[in-house]
PDB file of all heavy atoms in Angstrom:
ATOM      1  N   LEU A   1     109.270 -57.036 245.418  1.00  0.00           N
ATOM      2  CA  LEU A   1     110.382 -57.128 244.595  1.00  0.00           C
ATOM      3  C   LEU A   1     111.757 -56.909 245.316  1.00  0.00           C
ATOM      4  O   LEU A   1     112.755 -57.540 245.043  1.00  0.00           O
ATOM      5  CB  LEU A   1     110.325 -56.192 243.431  1.00  0.00           C
ATOM      6  CG  LEU A   1     109.306 -56.523 242.305  1.00  0.00           C
ATOM      7  CD1 LEU A   1     109.201 -55.393 241.315  1.00  0.00           C
ATOM      8  CD2 LEU A   1     109.713 -57.726 241.481  1.00  0.00           C
ATOM      9  N   GLN A   2     111.706 -56.039 246.306  1.00  0.00           N
ATOM     10  CA  GLN A   2     113.024 -55.622 246.999  1.00  0.00           C
ATOM     11  C   GLN A   2     113.366 -56.707 247.997  1.00  0.00           C
ATOM     12  O   GLN A   2     114.541 -56.754 248.517  1.00  0.00           O
ATOM     13  CB  GLN A   2     112.798 -54.282 247.660  1.00  0.00           C
ATOM     14  CG  GLN A   2     112.959 -53.082 246.691  1.00  0.00           C
ATOM     15  CD  GLN A   2     112.800 -51.797 247.403  1.00  0.00           C
ATOM     16  OE1 GLN A   2     111.758 -51.457 248.019  1.00  0.00           O
ATOM     17  NE2 GLN A   2     113.776 -51.019 247.349  1.00  0.00           N
ATOM     18  N   THR A   3     112.377 -57.552 248.421  1.00  0.00           N
ATOM     19  CA  THR A   3     112.705 -58.640 249.408  1.00  0.00           C
ATOM     20  C   THR A   3     112.917 -59.989 248.833  1.00  0.00           C
ATOM     21  O   THR A   3     113.257 -60.860 249.584  1.00  0.00           O
ATOM     22  CB  THR A   3     111.566 -58.610 250.424  1.00  0.00           C
ATOM     23  OG1 THR A   3     110.290 -58.962 249.827  1.00  0.00           O
ATOM     24  CG2 THR A   3     111.402 -57.238 251.154  1.00  0.00           C
ATOM     25  N   MET A   4     112.548 -60.116 247.505  1.00  0.00           N
ATOM     26  CA  MET A   4     112.665 -61.415 246.918  1.00  0.00           C
ATOM     27  C   MET A   4     114.232 -61.865 246.713  1.00  0.00           C
ATOM     28  O   MET A   4     115.084 -60.967 246.746  1.00  0.00           O
ATOM     29  CB  MET A   4     111.961 -61.459 245.528  1.00  0.00           C
ATOM     30  CG  MET A   4     110.447 -61.391 245.656  1.00  0.00           C
ATOM     31  SD  MET A   4     109.636 -61.075 244.039  1.00  0.00           S
ATOM     32  CE  MET A   4     110.135 -62.617 243.152  1.00  0.00           C
ATOM     33  N   LEU A   5     114.402 -63.176 246.543  1.00  0.00           N
ATOM     34  CA  LEU A   5     115.746 -63.588 246.244  1.00  0.00           C
ATOM     35  C   LEU A   5     116.036 -63.466 244.745  1.00  0.00           C
ATOM     36  O   LEU A   5     115.169 -63.875 243.924  1.00  0.00           O
ATOM     37  CB  LEU A   5     115.981 -65.060 246.668  1.00  0.00           C
ATOM     38  CG  LEU A   5     115.921 -65.232 248.156  1.00  0.00           C
ATOM     39  CD1 LEU A   5     116.022 -66.765 248.536  1.00  0.00           C
ATOM     40  CD2 LEU A   5     116.907 -64.439 248.966  1.00  0.00           C
ATOM     41  N   TRP A   6     117.240 -63.069 244.329  1.00  0.00           N
ATOM     42  CA  TRP A   6     117.522 -62.804 242.906  1.00  0.00           C
ATOM     43  C   TRP A   6     118.792 -63.502 242.493  1.00  0.00           C
ATOM     44  O   TRP A   6     119.864 -62.770 242.275  1.00  0.00           O
ATOM     45  CB  TRP A   6     117.543 -61.329 242.619  1.00  0.00           C
ATOM     46  CG  TRP A   6     116.254 -60.665 242.904  1.00  0.00           C
ATOM     47  CD1 TRP A   6     115.939 -59.786 243.895  1.00  0.00           C
ATOM     48  CD2 TRP A   6     115.111 -60.616 241.978  1.00  0.00           C
ATOM     49  NE1 TRP A   6     114.638 -59.331 243.788  1.00  0.00           N
ATOM     50  CE2 TRP A   6     114.154 -59.828 242.611  1.00  0.00           C
ATOM     51  CE3 TRP A   6     114.813 -61.252 240.736  1.00  0.00           C
ATOM     52  CZ2 TRP A   6     112.911 -59.647 242.011  1.00  0.00           C
ATOM     53  CZ3 TRP A   6     113.549 -61.099 240.247  1.00  0.00           C
ATOM     54  CH2 TRP A   6     112.648 -60.288 240.812  1.00  0.00           C
ATOM     55  N   PRO A   7     118.823 -64.827 242.516  1.00  0.00           N
ATOM     56  CA  PRO A   7     120.080 -65.444 242.106  1.00  0.00           C
ATOM     57  C   PRO A   7     120.547 -65.246 240.682  1.00  0.00           C
ATOM     58  O   PRO A   7     121.699 -65.277 240.344  1.00  0.00           O
ATOM     59  CB  PRO A   7     119.863 -66.969 242.273  1.00  0.00           C
ATOM     60  CG  PRO A   7     118.299 -67.109 242.312  1.00  0.00           C
ATOM     61  CD  PRO A   7     117.880 -65.845 242.902  1.00  0.00           C
ATOM     62  N   GLY A   8     119.547 -64.884 239.850  1.00  0.00           N
ATOM     63  CA  GLY A   8     119.853 -64.514 238.459  1.00  0.00           C
ATOM     64  C   GLY A   8     119.988 -63.054 238.215  1.00  0.00           C
ATOM     65  O   GLY A   8     120.161 -62.674 237.061  1.00  0.00           O
ATOM     66  N   ASN A   9     119.883 -62.264 239.307  1.00  0.00           N
ATOM     67  CA  ASN A   9     120.202 -60.840 239.283  1.00  0.00           C
ATOM     68  C   ASN A   9     119.425 -60.091 238.220  1.00  0.00           C
ATOM     69  O   ASN A   9     118.187 -60.315 238.106  1.00  0.00           O
ATOM     70  CB  ASN A   9     121.695 -60.594 239.066  1.00  0.00           C
ATOM     71  CG  ASN A   9     122.505 -60.933 240.258  1.00  0.00           C
ATOM     72  OD1 ASN A   9     122.310 -60.307 241.272  1.00  0.00           O
ATOM     73  ND2 ASN A   9     123.290 -61.917 240.265  1.00  0.00           N
ATOM     74  N   ILE A  10     119.994 -59.092 237.493  1.00  0.00           N
ATOM     75  CA  ILE A  10     119.167 -58.222 236.578  1.00  0.00           C
ATOM     76  C   ILE A  10     118.472 -58.961 235.508  1.00  0.00           C
ATOM     77  O   ILE A  10     117.381 -58.633 235.089  1.00  0.00           O
ATOM     78  CB  ILE A  10     120.228 -57.175 236.033  1.00  0.00           C
ATOM     79  CG1 ILE A  10     120.761 -56.300 237.141  1.00  0.00           C
ATOM     80  CG2 ILE A  10     119.481 -56.305 234.978  1.00  0.00           C
ATOM     81  CD1 ILE A  10     121.749 -55.262 236.745  1.00  0.00           C
ATOM     82  N   ARG A  11     119.197 -60.019 234.978  1.00  0.00           N
ATOM     83  CA  ARG A  11     118.617 -60.876 233.955  1.00  0.00           C
ATOM     84  C   ARG A  11     117.287 -61.529 234.481  1.00  0.00           C
ATOM     85  O   ARG A  11     116.255 -61.505 233.679  1.00  0.00           O
ATOM     86  CB  ARG A  11     119.689 -61.909 233.516  1.00  0.00           C
ATOM     87  CG  ARG A  11     119.224 -62.659 232.285  1.00  0.00           C
ATOM     88  CD  ARG A  11     120.288 -63.584 231.912  1.00  0.00           C
ATOM     89  NE  ARG A  11     121.654 -63.056 231.760  1.00  0.00           N
ATOM     90  CZ  ARG A  11     122.715 -63.467 232.260  1.00  0.00           C
ATOM     91  NH1 ARG A  11     122.750 -64.627 232.960  1.00  0.00           N
ATOM     92  NH2 ARG A  11     123.884 -62.866 231.942  1.00  0.00           N
ATOM     93  N   GLN A  12     117.315 -61.999 235.675  1.00  0.00           N
ATOM     94  CA  GLN A  12     116.111 -62.613 236.251  1.00  0.00           C
ATOM     95  C   GLN A  12     115.062 -61.626 236.456  1.00  0.00           C
ATOM     96  O   GLN A  12     113.843 -61.834 236.254  1.00  0.00           O
ATOM     97  CB  GLN A  12     116.526 -63.324 237.538  1.00  0.00           C
ATOM     98  CG  GLN A  12     115.331 -64.047 238.248  1.00  0.00           C
ATOM     99  CD  GLN A  12     115.677 -64.570 239.610  1.00  0.00           C
ATOM    100  OE1 GLN A  12     116.831 -64.440 240.042  1.00  0.00           O
ATOM    101  NE2 GLN A  12     114.764 -65.214 240.364  1.00  0.00           N
ATOM    102  N   LEU A  13     115.428 -60.374 237.000  1.00  0.00           N
ATOM    103  CA  LEU A  13     114.363 -59.381 237.209  1.00  0.00           C
ATOM    104  C   LEU A  13     113.658 -58.974 235.871  1.00  0.00           C
ATOM    105  O   LEU A  13     112.474 -58.891 235.868  1.00  0.00           O
ATOM    106  CB  LEU A  13     115.067 -58.147 237.809  1.00  0.00           C
ATOM    107  CG  LEU A  13     114.240 -56.886 238.024  1.00  0.00           C
ATOM    108  CD1 LEU A  13     113.050 -57.158 238.950  1.00  0.00           C
ATOM    109  CD2 LEU A  13     115.027 -55.697 238.551  1.00  0.00           C
ATOM    110  N   LYS A  14     114.466 -58.908 234.823  1.00  0.00           N
ATOM    111  CA  LYS A  14     113.767 -58.548 233.492  1.00  0.00           C
ATOM    112  C   LYS A  14     112.811 -59.665 233.072  1.00  0.00           C
ATOM    113  O   LYS A  14     111.646 -59.273 232.590  1.00  0.00           O
ATOM    114  CB  LYS A  14     114.864 -58.279 232.413  1.00  0.00           C
ATOM    115  CG  LYS A  14     114.220 -57.893 231.163  1.00  0.00           C
ATOM    116  CD  LYS A  14     115.343 -57.494 230.083  1.00  0.00           C
ATOM    117  CE  LYS A  14     114.707 -57.097 228.804  1.00  0.00           C
ATOM    118  NZ  LYS A  14     115.729 -56.752 227.781  1.00  0.00           N
ATOM    119  N   ASN A  15     113.236 -60.847 233.321  1.00  0.00           N
ATOM    120  CA  ASN A  15     112.293 -61.954 232.951  1.00  0.00           C
ATOM    121  C   ASN A  15     110.977 -61.948 233.757  1.00  0.00           C
ATOM    122  O   ASN A  15     109.949 -62.208 233.189  1.00  0.00           O
ATOM    123  CB  ASN A  15     112.970 -63.329 233.075  1.00  0.00           C
ATOM    124  CG  ASN A  15     114.140 -63.554 232.128  1.00  0.00           C
ATOM    125  OD1 ASN A  15     114.232 -62.868 231.043  1.00  0.00           O
ATOM    126  ND2 ASN A  15     115.070 -64.490 232.435  1.00  0.00           N
ATOM    127  N   VAL A  16     111.149 -61.639 235.089  1.00  0.00           N
ATOM    128  CA  VAL A  16     110.039 -61.562 235.940  1.00  0.00           C
ATOM    129  C   VAL A  16     109.059 -60.535 235.433  1.00  0.00           C
ATOM    130  O   VAL A  16     107.851 -60.597 235.333  1.00  0.00           O
ATOM    131  CB  VAL A  16     110.428 -61.393 237.358  1.00  0.00           C
ATOM    132  CG1 VAL A  16     109.172 -60.984 238.249  1.00  0.00           C
ATOM    133  CG2 VAL A  16     111.022 -62.665 237.939  1.00  0.00           C
ATOM    134  N   VAL A  17     109.659 -59.339 235.114  1.00  0.00           N
ATOM    135  CA  VAL A  17     108.848 -58.155 234.746  1.00  0.00           C
ATOM    136  C   VAL A  17     108.132 -58.502 233.377  1.00  0.00           C
ATOM    137  O   VAL A  17     106.956 -58.220 233.162  1.00  0.00           O
ATOM    138  CB  VAL A  17     109.708 -56.911 234.505  1.00  0.00           C
ATOM    139  CG1 VAL A  17     108.868 -55.823 233.802  1.00  0.00           C
ATOM    140  CG2 VAL A  17     110.220 -56.437 235.855  1.00  0.00           C
ATOM    141  N   GLU A  18     108.846 -59.140 232.429  1.00  0.00           N
ATOM    142  CA  GLU A  18     108.234 -59.493 231.148  1.00  0.00           C
ATOM    143  C   GLU A  18     107.088 -60.509 231.381  1.00  0.00           C
ATOM    144  O   GLU A  18     106.018 -60.429 230.774  1.00  0.00           O
ATOM    145  CB  GLU A  18     109.335 -60.076 230.235  1.00  0.00           C
ATOM    146  CG  GLU A  18     108.766 -60.443 228.829  1.00  0.00           C
ATOM    147  CD  GLU A  18     109.864 -60.843 227.926  1.00  0.00           C
ATOM    148  OE1 GLU A  18     111.018 -60.913 228.298  1.00  0.00           O
ATOM    149  OE2 GLU A  18     109.587 -61.009 226.722  1.00  0.00           O
ATOM    150  N   ARG A  19     107.284 -61.517 232.255  1.00  0.00           N
ATOM    151  CA  ARG A  19     106.233 -62.486 232.495  1.00  0.00           C
ATOM    152  C   ARG A  19     104.961 -61.827 233.047  1.00  0.00           C
ATOM    153  O   ARG A  19     103.892 -62.084 232.709  1.00  0.00           O
ATOM    154  CB  ARG A  19     106.818 -63.534 233.527  1.00  0.00           C
ATOM    155  CG  ARG A  19     105.869 -64.695 233.662  1.00  0.00           C
ATOM    156  CD  ARG A  19     106.350 -65.523 234.876  1.00  0.00           C
ATOM    157  NE  ARG A  19     107.801 -65.770 234.723  1.00  0.00           N
ATOM    158  CZ  ARG A  19     108.571 -66.131 235.787  1.00  0.00           C
ATOM    159  NH1 ARG A  19     108.137 -66.282 236.956  1.00  0.00           N
ATOM    160  NH2 ARG A  19     109.885 -66.314 235.560  1.00  0.00           N
ATOM    161  N   VAL A  20     105.203 -60.873 233.960  1.00  0.00           N
ATOM    162  CA  VAL A  20     103.966 -60.188 234.635  1.00  0.00           C
ATOM    163  C   VAL A  20     103.224 -59.424 233.539  1.00  0.00           C
ATOM    164  O   VAL A  20     101.972 -59.409 233.494  1.00  0.00           O
ATOM    165  CB  VAL A  20     104.498 -59.350 235.770  1.00  0.00           C
ATOM    166  CG1 VAL A  20     103.314 -58.443 236.258  1.00  0.00           C
ATOM    167  CG2 VAL A  20     105.041 -60.211 236.898  1.00  0.00           C
ATOM    168  N   LEU A  21     103.967 -58.641 232.668  1.00  0.00           N
ATOM    169  CA  LEU A  21     103.305 -57.883 231.663  1.00  0.00           C
ATOM    170  C   LEU A  21     102.536 -58.749 230.597  1.00  0.00           C
ATOM    171  O   LEU A  21     101.505 -58.379 230.080  1.00  0.00           O
ATOM    172  CB  LEU A  21     104.403 -57.075 230.907  1.00  0.00           C
ATOM    173  CG  LEU A  21     105.060 -55.933 231.801  1.00  0.00           C
ATOM    174  CD1 LEU A  21     106.069 -55.174 230.978  1.00  0.00           C
ATOM    175  CD2 LEU A  21     104.008 -54.959 232.379  1.00  0.00           C
ATOM    176  N   ILE A  22     103.126 -59.927 230.315  1.00  0.00           N
ATOM    177  CA  ILE A  22     102.435 -60.781 229.364  1.00  0.00           C
ATOM    178  C   ILE A  22     101.202 -61.409 229.957  1.00  0.00           C
ATOM    179  O   ILE A  22     100.195 -61.522 229.259  1.00  0.00           O
ATOM    180  CB  ILE A  22     103.464 -61.908 228.841  1.00  0.00           C
ATOM    181  CG1 ILE A  22     104.565 -61.282 228.055  1.00  0.00           C
ATOM    182  CG2 ILE A  22     102.739 -63.002 228.014  1.00  0.00           C
ATOM    183  CD1 ILE A  22     105.690 -62.187 227.716  1.00  0.00           C
ATOM    184  N   LEU A  23     101.274 -62.016 231.222  1.00  0.00           N
ATOM    185  CA  LEU A  23     100.233 -62.619 231.801  1.00  0.00           C
ATOM    186  C   LEU A  23      99.176 -61.862 232.526  1.00  0.00           C
ATOM    187  O   LEU A  23      98.157 -62.288 232.864  1.00  0.00           O
ATOM    188  CB  LEU A  23     100.809 -63.728 232.742  1.00  0.00           C
ATOM    189  CG  LEU A  23     101.788 -64.778 232.076  1.00  0.00           C
ATOM    190  CD1 LEU A  23     102.262 -65.696 233.236  1.00  0.00           C
ATOM    191  CD2 LEU A  23     101.015 -65.591 231.087  1.00  0.00           C
ATOM    192  N   GLY A  24      99.575 -60.664 232.794  1.00  0.00           N
ATOM    193  CA  GLY A  24      98.725 -59.785 233.654  1.00  0.00           C
ATOM    194  C   GLY A  24      97.466 -59.306 232.950  1.00  0.00           C
ATOM    195  O   GLY A  24      97.438 -59.244 231.589  1.00  0.00           O
ATOM    196  N   ASP A  25      96.461 -58.906 233.611  1.00  0.00           N
ATOM    197  CA  ASP A  25      95.258 -58.371 233.060  1.00  0.00           C
ATOM    198  C   ASP A  25      95.157 -56.878 233.172  1.00  0.00           C
ATOM    199  O   ASP A  25      95.385 -56.322 234.195  1.00  0.00           O
ATOM    200  CB  ASP A  25      94.010 -58.994 233.823  1.00  0.00           C
ATOM    201  CG  ASP A  25      94.055 -60.556 233.627  1.00  0.00           C
ATOM    202  OD1 ASP A  25      94.318 -61.032 232.530  1.00  0.00           O
ATOM    203  OD2 ASP A  25      93.627 -61.201 234.656  1.00  0.00           O
ATOM    204  N   GLY A  26      94.764 -56.280 232.043  1.00  0.00           N
ATOM    205  CA  GLY A  26      94.513 -54.782 232.120  1.00  0.00           C
ATOM    206  C   GLY A  26      95.797 -53.995 232.071  1.00  0.00           C
ATOM    207  O   GLY A  26      96.901 -54.538 231.873  1.00  0.00           O
ATOM    208  N   ASN A  27      95.555 -52.719 232.351  1.00  0.00           N
ATOM    209  CA  ASN A  27      96.696 -51.735 232.367  1.00  0.00           C
ATOM    210  C   ASN A  27      96.910 -51.091 233.743  1.00  0.00           C
ATOM    211  O   ASN A  27      97.572 -50.035 233.830  1.00  0.00           O
ATOM    212  CB  ASN A  27      96.515 -50.671 231.276  1.00  0.00           C
ATOM    213  CG  ASN A  27      96.449 -51.382 229.913  1.00  0.00           C
ATOM    214  OD1 ASN A  27      97.503 -51.961 229.513  1.00  0.00           O
ATOM    215  ND2 ASN A  27      95.537 -51.014 229.104  1.00  0.00           N
ATOM    216  N   GLY A  28      96.325 -51.638 234.751  1.00  0.00           N
ATOM    217  CA  GLY A  28      96.359 -50.985 236.080  1.00  0.00           C
ATOM    218  C   GLY A  28      97.643 -51.318 236.747  1.00  0.00           C
ATOM    219  O   GLY A  28      98.619 -51.841 236.156  1.00  0.00           O
ATOM    220  N   GLU A  29      97.821 -50.964 238.066  1.00  0.00           N
ATOM    221  CA  GLU A  29      99.041 -51.112 238.747  1.00  0.00           C
ATOM    222  C   GLU A  29      99.354 -52.612 238.832  1.00  0.00           C
ATOM    223  O   GLU A  29      98.533 -53.525 238.983  1.00  0.00           O
ATOM    224  CB  GLU A  29      98.906 -50.595 240.213  1.00  0.00           C
ATOM    225  CG  GLU A  29      99.037 -49.141 240.339  1.00  0.00           C
ATOM    226  CD  GLU A  29      99.056 -48.779 241.829  1.00  0.00           C
ATOM    227  OE1 GLU A  29      98.712 -49.606 242.735  1.00  0.00           O
ATOM    228  OE2 GLU A  29      99.550 -47.705 242.166  1.00  0.00           O
ATOM    229  N   ILE A  30     100.683 -52.835 238.753  1.00  0.00           N
ATOM    230  CA  ILE A  30     101.231 -54.241 239.028  1.00  0.00           C
ATOM    231  C   ILE A  30     101.163 -54.476 240.520  1.00  0.00           C
ATOM    232  O   ILE A  30     101.778 -53.705 241.278  1.00  0.00           O
ATOM    233  CB  ILE A  30     102.577 -54.418 238.462  1.00  0.00           C
ATOM    234  CG1 ILE A  30     102.624 -54.301 236.928  1.00  0.00           C
ATOM    235  CG2 ILE A  30     103.210 -55.792 238.945  1.00  0.00           C
ATOM    236  CD1 ILE A  30     104.039 -54.281 236.414  1.00  0.00           C
ATOM    237  N   THR A  31     100.543 -55.509 240.893  1.00  0.00           N
ATOM    238  CA  THR A  31     100.360 -55.732 242.425  1.00  0.00           C
ATOM    239  C   THR A  31     101.236 -56.936 242.833  1.00  0.00           C
ATOM    240  O   THR A  31     101.741 -57.703 241.999  1.00  0.00           O
ATOM    241  CB  THR A  31      98.902 -56.092 242.804  1.00  0.00           C
ATOM    242  OG1 THR A  31      98.547 -57.313 242.113  1.00  0.00           O
ATOM    243  CG2 THR A  31      97.959 -54.961 242.370  1.00  0.00           C
ATOM    244  N   ALA A  32     101.407 -57.020 244.142  1.00  0.00           N
ATOM    245  CA  ALA A  32     102.412 -58.070 244.651  1.00  0.00           C
ATOM    246  C   ALA A  32     101.878 -59.440 244.354  1.00  0.00           C
ATOM    247  O   ALA A  32     102.627 -60.332 244.103  1.00  0.00           O
ATOM    248  CB  ALA A  32     102.457 -57.954 246.139  1.00  0.00           C
ATOM    249  N   ARG A  33     100.556 -59.661 244.302  1.00  0.00           N
ATOM    250  CA  ARG A  33     100.040 -60.970 244.072  1.00  0.00           C
ATOM    251  C   ARG A  33     100.248 -61.517 242.613  1.00  0.00           C
ATOM    252  O   ARG A  33     100.134 -62.678 242.368  1.00  0.00           O
ATOM    253  CB  ARG A  33      98.524 -61.054 244.406  1.00  0.00           C
ATOM    254  CG  ARG A  33      97.592 -60.291 243.364  1.00  0.00           C
ATOM    255  CD  ARG A  33      96.150 -60.442 243.671  1.00  0.00           C
ATOM    256  NE  ARG A  33      95.839 -60.062 245.046  1.00  0.00           N
ATOM    257  CZ  ARG A  33      94.763 -60.235 245.701  1.00  0.00           C
ATOM    258  NH1 ARG A  33      93.701 -60.940 245.048  1.00  0.00           N
ATOM    259  NH2 ARG A  33      94.546 -59.847 246.920  1.00  0.00           N
ATOM    260  N   GLU A  34     100.627 -60.527 241.755  1.00  0.00           N
ATOM    261  CA  GLU A  34     100.991 -60.987 240.347  1.00  0.00           C
ATOM    262  C   GLU A  34     102.446 -61.554 240.201  1.00  0.00           C
ATOM    263  O   GLU A  34     102.780 -62.100 239.214  1.00  0.00           O
ATOM    264  CB  GLU A  34     100.850 -59.861 239.382  1.00  0.00           C
ATOM    265  CG  GLU A  34      99.399 -59.308 239.173  1.00  0.00           C
ATOM    266  CD  GLU A  34      99.340 -58.148 238.220  1.00  0.00           C
ATOM    267  OE1 GLU A  34      99.498 -58.439 237.010  1.00  0.00           O
ATOM    268  OE2 GLU A  34      99.254 -56.968 238.675  1.00  0.00           O
TER     269      GLU A  34
END
């Protein structure tokens, strides 16, 4: 996350987090591959 490009800044970061939580499986750690 710290090395990705963020042209949309904080708004884009929140969208990415929401997408990962919606599409992810289980309640374990969020990994880079997600």
